[in-house]
Amino acid sequence: MSTDRGNADCPYVNDDQACCGNRFSLGRLDQAFTICFGSYHGCSMYRELRDAEASRHAPHPVVLTVNGYGRRLPIYAAAP
């Protein structure tokens, strides 16, 4: 799992993501430096990878059923 290290580079740049590989060619190195090592928050692949990672770690709802009556229980995130 990738974490934001507080740097200006994309947290996924070292994860060997196939979807990002096209920027790491001689003809597109300018894009890699501008986006992957600069303004990666505007990158659509960054947002897609971040959203997919967040959805994998989202809590699942808990439904308690007693005598046929269901009640959805609130889920609170654990403190880091």
N, C-alpha and C. Protein backbone atom coordinates (compact mmCIF):
# COMPACT_ATOMS: atom_id res chain seq x y z
N MET A 1 0.84 -1.16 0.00
CA MET A 1 0.00 0.00 0.00
C MET A 1 0.89 1.23 0.00
N SER A 2 0.55 2.19 -0.81
CA SER A 2 1.32 3.41 -0.91
C SER A 2 0.89 4.40 0.16
N THR A 3 1.84 5.18 0.61
CA THR A 3 1.53 6.24 1.56
C THR A 3 2.14 7.53 1.07
N ASP A 4 1.51 8.62 1.45
CA ASP A 4 2.03 9.93 1.07
C ASP A 4 3.18 10.27 2.01
N ARG A 5 4.35 10.41 1.47
CA ARG A 5 5.54 10.65 2.26
C ARG A 5 5.80 12.14 2.45
N GLY A 6 4.89 12.99 2.00
CA GLY A 6 5.08 14.42 2.14
C GLY A 6 5.98 15.00 1.07
N ASN A 7 6.42 14.23 0.11
CA ASN A 7 7.29 14.70 -0.96
C ASN A 7 6.46 15.23 -2.11
N ALA A 8 7.14 15.85 -3.07
CA ALA A 8 6.46 16.38 -4.24
C ALA A 8 6.27 15.32 -5.32
N ASP A 9 6.75 14.09 -5.06
CA ASP A 9 6.59 13.04 -6.07
C ASP A 9 5.36 12.20 -5.75
N CYS A 10 4.80 11.62 -6.78
CA CYS A 10 3.61 10.79 -6.66
C CYS A 10 3.90 9.58 -5.78
N PRO A 11 3.02 9.27 -4.84
CA PRO A 11 3.25 8.12 -3.97
C PRO A 11 3.22 6.79 -4.71
N TYR A 12 2.74 6.77 -5.94
CA TYR A 12 2.66 5.53 -6.71
C TYR A 12 3.81 5.38 -7.70
N VAL A 13 4.71 6.34 -7.74
CA VAL A 13 5.76 6.33 -8.76
C VAL A 13 6.70 5.14 -8.60
N ASN A 14 6.91 4.64 -7.42
CA ASN A 14 7.79 3.50 -7.20
C ASN A 14 7.06 2.17 -7.10
N ASP A 15 5.75 2.17 -7.36
CA ASP A 15 4.95 0.95 -7.25
C ASP A 15 4.90 0.13 -8.52
N ASP A 16 5.61 0.54 -9.55
CA ASP A 16 5.65 -0.17 -10.83
C ASP A 16 4.24 -0.36 -11.40
N GLN A 17 3.48 0.71 -11.45
CA GLN A 17 2.13 0.68 -11.98
C GLN A 17 2.19 0.67 -13.52
N ALA A 18 1.59 -0.33 -14.13
CA ALA A 18 1.61 -0.44 -15.59
C ALA A 18 0.91 0.75 -16.26
N CYS A 19 -0.12 1.28 -15.62
CA CYS A 19 -0.86 2.39 -16.21
C CYS A 19 -0.02 3.67 -16.26
N CYS A 20 1.03 3.75 -15.48
CA CYS A 20 1.88 4.95 -15.47
C CYS A 20 3.12 4.79 -16.35
N GLY A 21 3.39 3.60 -16.81
CA GLY A 21 4.62 3.31 -17.53
C GLY A 21 4.84 4.09 -18.80
N ASN A 22 3.78 4.54 -19.47
CA ASN A 22 3.97 5.24 -20.75
C ASN A 22 4.64 6.59 -20.57
N ARG A 23 4.61 7.16 -19.36
CA ARG A 23 5.29 8.44 -19.14
C ARG A 23 6.79 8.28 -19.00
N PHE A 24 7.23 7.07 -18.68
CA PHE A 24 8.65 6.85 -18.44
C PHE A 24 9.35 6.33 -19.68
N SER A 25 9.27 7.11 -20.74
CA SER A 25 9.98 6.83 -21.98
C SER A 25 10.73 8.10 -22.35
N LEU A 26 11.71 7.98 -23.21
CA LEU A 26 12.52 9.15 -23.56
C LEU A 26 11.68 10.28 -24.16
N GLY A 27 10.68 9.94 -24.92
CA GLY A 27 9.85 10.95 -25.56
C GLY A 27 8.92 11.67 -24.61
N ARG A 28 8.68 11.09 -23.42
CA ARG A 28 7.73 11.70 -22.49
C ARG A 28 8.33 11.98 -21.11
N LEU A 29 9.63 12.03 -21.00
CA LEU A 29 10.24 12.31 -19.70
C LEU A 29 9.83 13.67 -19.15
N ASP A 30 9.55 14.61 -20.05
CA ASP A 30 9.10 15.92 -19.57
C ASP A 30 7.78 15.79 -18.81
N GLN A 31 6.88 14.91 -19.27
CA GLN A 31 5.63 14.66 -18.55
C GLN A 31 5.89 14.02 -17.20
N ALA A 32 6.81 13.07 -17.15
CA ALA A 32 7.13 12.41 -15.89
C ALA A 32 7.63 13.41 -14.86
N PHE A 33 8.53 14.31 -15.27
CA PHE A 33 9.05 15.29 -14.32
C PHE A 33 7.99 16.32 -13.93
N THR A 34 7.17 16.73 -14.89
CA THR A 34 6.15 17.73 -14.60
C THR A 34 5.02 17.17 -13.74
N ILE A 35 4.56 15.98 -14.08
CA ILE A 35 3.39 15.41 -13.39
C ILE A 35 3.79 14.50 -12.24
N CYS A 36 4.55 13.47 -12.51
CA CYS A 36 4.87 12.46 -11.49
C CYS A 36 5.76 13.02 -10.38
N PHE A 37 6.60 13.97 -10.72
CA PHE A 37 7.51 14.56 -9.74
C PHE A 37 7.19 16.02 -9.51
N GLY A 38 5.92 16.36 -9.67
CA GLY A 38 5.52 17.75 -9.49
C GLY A 38 4.06 17.85 -9.10
N SER A 39 3.21 18.08 -10.07
CA SER A 39 1.79 18.32 -9.80
C SER A 39 0.97 17.05 -10.01
N TYR A 40 1.30 16.00 -9.27
CA TYR A 40 0.63 14.71 -9.47
C TYR A 40 -0.82 14.71 -9.00
N HIS A 41 -1.22 15.66 -8.16
CA HIS A 41 -2.61 15.69 -7.70
C HIS A 41 -3.59 15.92 -8.85
N GLY A 42 -3.13 16.50 -9.94
CA GLY A 42 -3.98 16.72 -11.10
C GLY A 42 -4.00 15.56 -12.07
N CYS A 43 -3.23 14.52 -11.79
CA CYS A 43 -3.13 13.37 -12.70
C CYS A 43 -4.33 12.44 -12.52
N SER A 44 -4.97 12.09 -13.62
CA SER A 44 -6.14 11.21 -13.55
C SER A 44 -5.77 9.81 -13.06
N MET A 45 -4.58 9.33 -13.40
CA MET A 45 -4.17 7.99 -12.94
C MET A 45 -3.93 8.00 -11.43
N TYR A 46 -3.36 9.07 -10.90
CA TYR A 46 -3.17 9.20 -9.46
C TYR A 46 -4.51 9.13 -8.74
N ARG A 47 -5.47 9.91 -9.23
CA ARG A 47 -6.79 9.92 -8.59
C ARG A 47 -7.47 8.56 -8.67
N GLU A 48 -7.34 7.89 -9.79
CA GLU A 48 -7.94 6.57 -9.95
C GLU A 48 -7.30 5.54 -9.01
N LEU A 49 -5.98 5.54 -8.91
CA LEU A 49 -5.28 4.62 -8.01
C LEU A 49 -5.60 4.93 -6.55
N ARG A 50 -5.64 6.20 -6.20
CA ARG A 50 -5.97 6.61 -4.83
C ARG A 50 -7.38 6.20 -4.44
N ASP A 51 -8.34 6.41 -5.36
CA ASP A 51 -9.73 6.05 -5.08
C ASP A 51 -9.90 4.54 -4.96
N ALA A 52 -9.19 3.78 -5.80
CA ALA A 52 -9.26 2.32 -5.72
C ALA A 52 -8.68 1.82 -4.40
N GLU A 53 -7.58 2.43 -3.98
CA GLU A 53 -6.95 2.05 -2.71
C GLU A 53 -7.87 2.38 -1.54
N ALA A 54 -8.51 3.53 -1.58
CA ALA A 54 -9.41 3.95 -0.50
C ALA A 54 -10.62 3.03 -0.42
N SER A 55 -11.15 2.61 -1.56
CA SER A 55 -12.33 1.74 -1.54
C SER A 55 -12.00 0.34 -1.02
N ARG A 56 -10.75 -0.11 -1.20
CA ARG A 56 -10.35 -1.41 -0.66
C ARG A 56 -10.30 -1.39 0.86
N HIS A 57 -10.06 -0.21 1.43
CA HIS A 57 -9.89 -0.11 2.87
C HIS A 57 -11.11 0.48 3.57
N ALA A 58 -12.18 0.71 2.82
CA ALA A 58 -13.39 1.26 3.43
C ALA A 58 -14.05 0.20 4.30
N PRO A 59 -14.58 0.59 5.45
CA PRO A 59 -15.23 -0.39 6.32
C PRO A 59 -16.51 -0.92 5.69
N HIS A 60 -16.81 -2.17 5.96
CA HIS A 60 -18.05 -2.78 5.49
C HIS A 60 -19.14 -2.51 6.51
N PRO A 61 -20.35 -2.27 6.06
CA PRO A 61 -21.43 -2.01 7.02
C PRO A 61 -21.72 -3.25 7.87
N VAL A 62 -22.13 -3.00 9.09
CA VAL A 62 -22.49 -4.08 10.01
C VAL A 62 -23.98 -3.99 10.25
N VAL A 63 -24.69 -5.08 9.99
CA VAL A 63 -26.12 -5.12 10.23
C VAL A 63 -26.38 -6.18 11.30
N LEU A 64 -26.95 -5.74 12.42
CA LEU A 64 -27.28 -6.64 13.52
C LEU A 64 -28.74 -7.04 13.36
N THR A 65 -29.01 -8.33 13.30
CA THR A 65 -30.37 -8.81 13.14
C THR A 65 -30.76 -9.64 14.35
N VAL A 66 -31.86 -9.24 15.00
CA VAL A 66 -32.39 -9.96 16.16
C VAL A 66 -33.87 -10.19 15.92
N ASN A 67 -34.27 -11.46 15.95
CA ASN A 67 -35.68 -11.83 15.74
C ASN A 67 -36.25 -11.25 14.46
N GLY A 68 -35.43 -11.21 13.41
CA GLY A 68 -35.90 -10.75 12.10
C GLY A 68 -35.85 -9.24 11.90
N TYR A 69 -35.47 -8.50 12.89
CA TYR A 69 -35.36 -7.05 12.77
C TYR A 69 -33.89 -6.67 12.62
N GLY A 70 -33.61 -5.98 11.53
CA GLY A 70 -32.24 -5.59 11.25
C GLY A 70 -31.97 -4.16 11.65
N ARG A 71 -30.80 -3.92 12.13
CA ARG A 71 -30.38 -2.57 12.51
C ARG A 71 -28.95 -2.36 12.02
N ARG A 72 -28.75 -1.33 11.19
CA ARG A 72 -27.41 -1.00 10.72
C ARG A 72 -26.69 -0.24 11.81
N LEU A 73 -25.52 -0.75 12.17
CA LEU A 73 -24.73 -0.13 13.23
C LEU A 73 -23.75 0.88 12.63
N PRO A 74 -23.55 2.00 13.32
CA PRO A 74 -22.59 2.98 12.81
C PRO A 74 -21.17 2.43 12.90
N ILE A 75 -20.36 2.78 11.93
CA ILE A 75 -18.97 2.34 11.88
C ILE A 75 -18.10 3.57 12.13
N TYR A 76 -17.21 3.47 13.06
CA TYR A 76 -16.29 4.56 13.34
C TYR A 76 -14.89 4.11 12.98
N ALA A 77 -14.17 4.97 12.28
CA ALA A 77 -12.81 4.64 11.87
C ALA A 77 -11.91 4.64 13.09
N ALA A 78 -10.99 3.70 13.11
CA ALA A 78 -10.03 3.63 14.20
C ALA A 78 -9.03 4.77 14.06
N ALA A 79 -8.62 5.31 15.17
CA ALA A 79 -7.63 6.39 15.15
C ALA A 79 -6.29 5.85 14.70
N PRO A 80 -5.56 6.61 13.88
CA PRO A 80 -4.25 6.13 13.40
C PRO A 80 -3.21 6.03 14.51
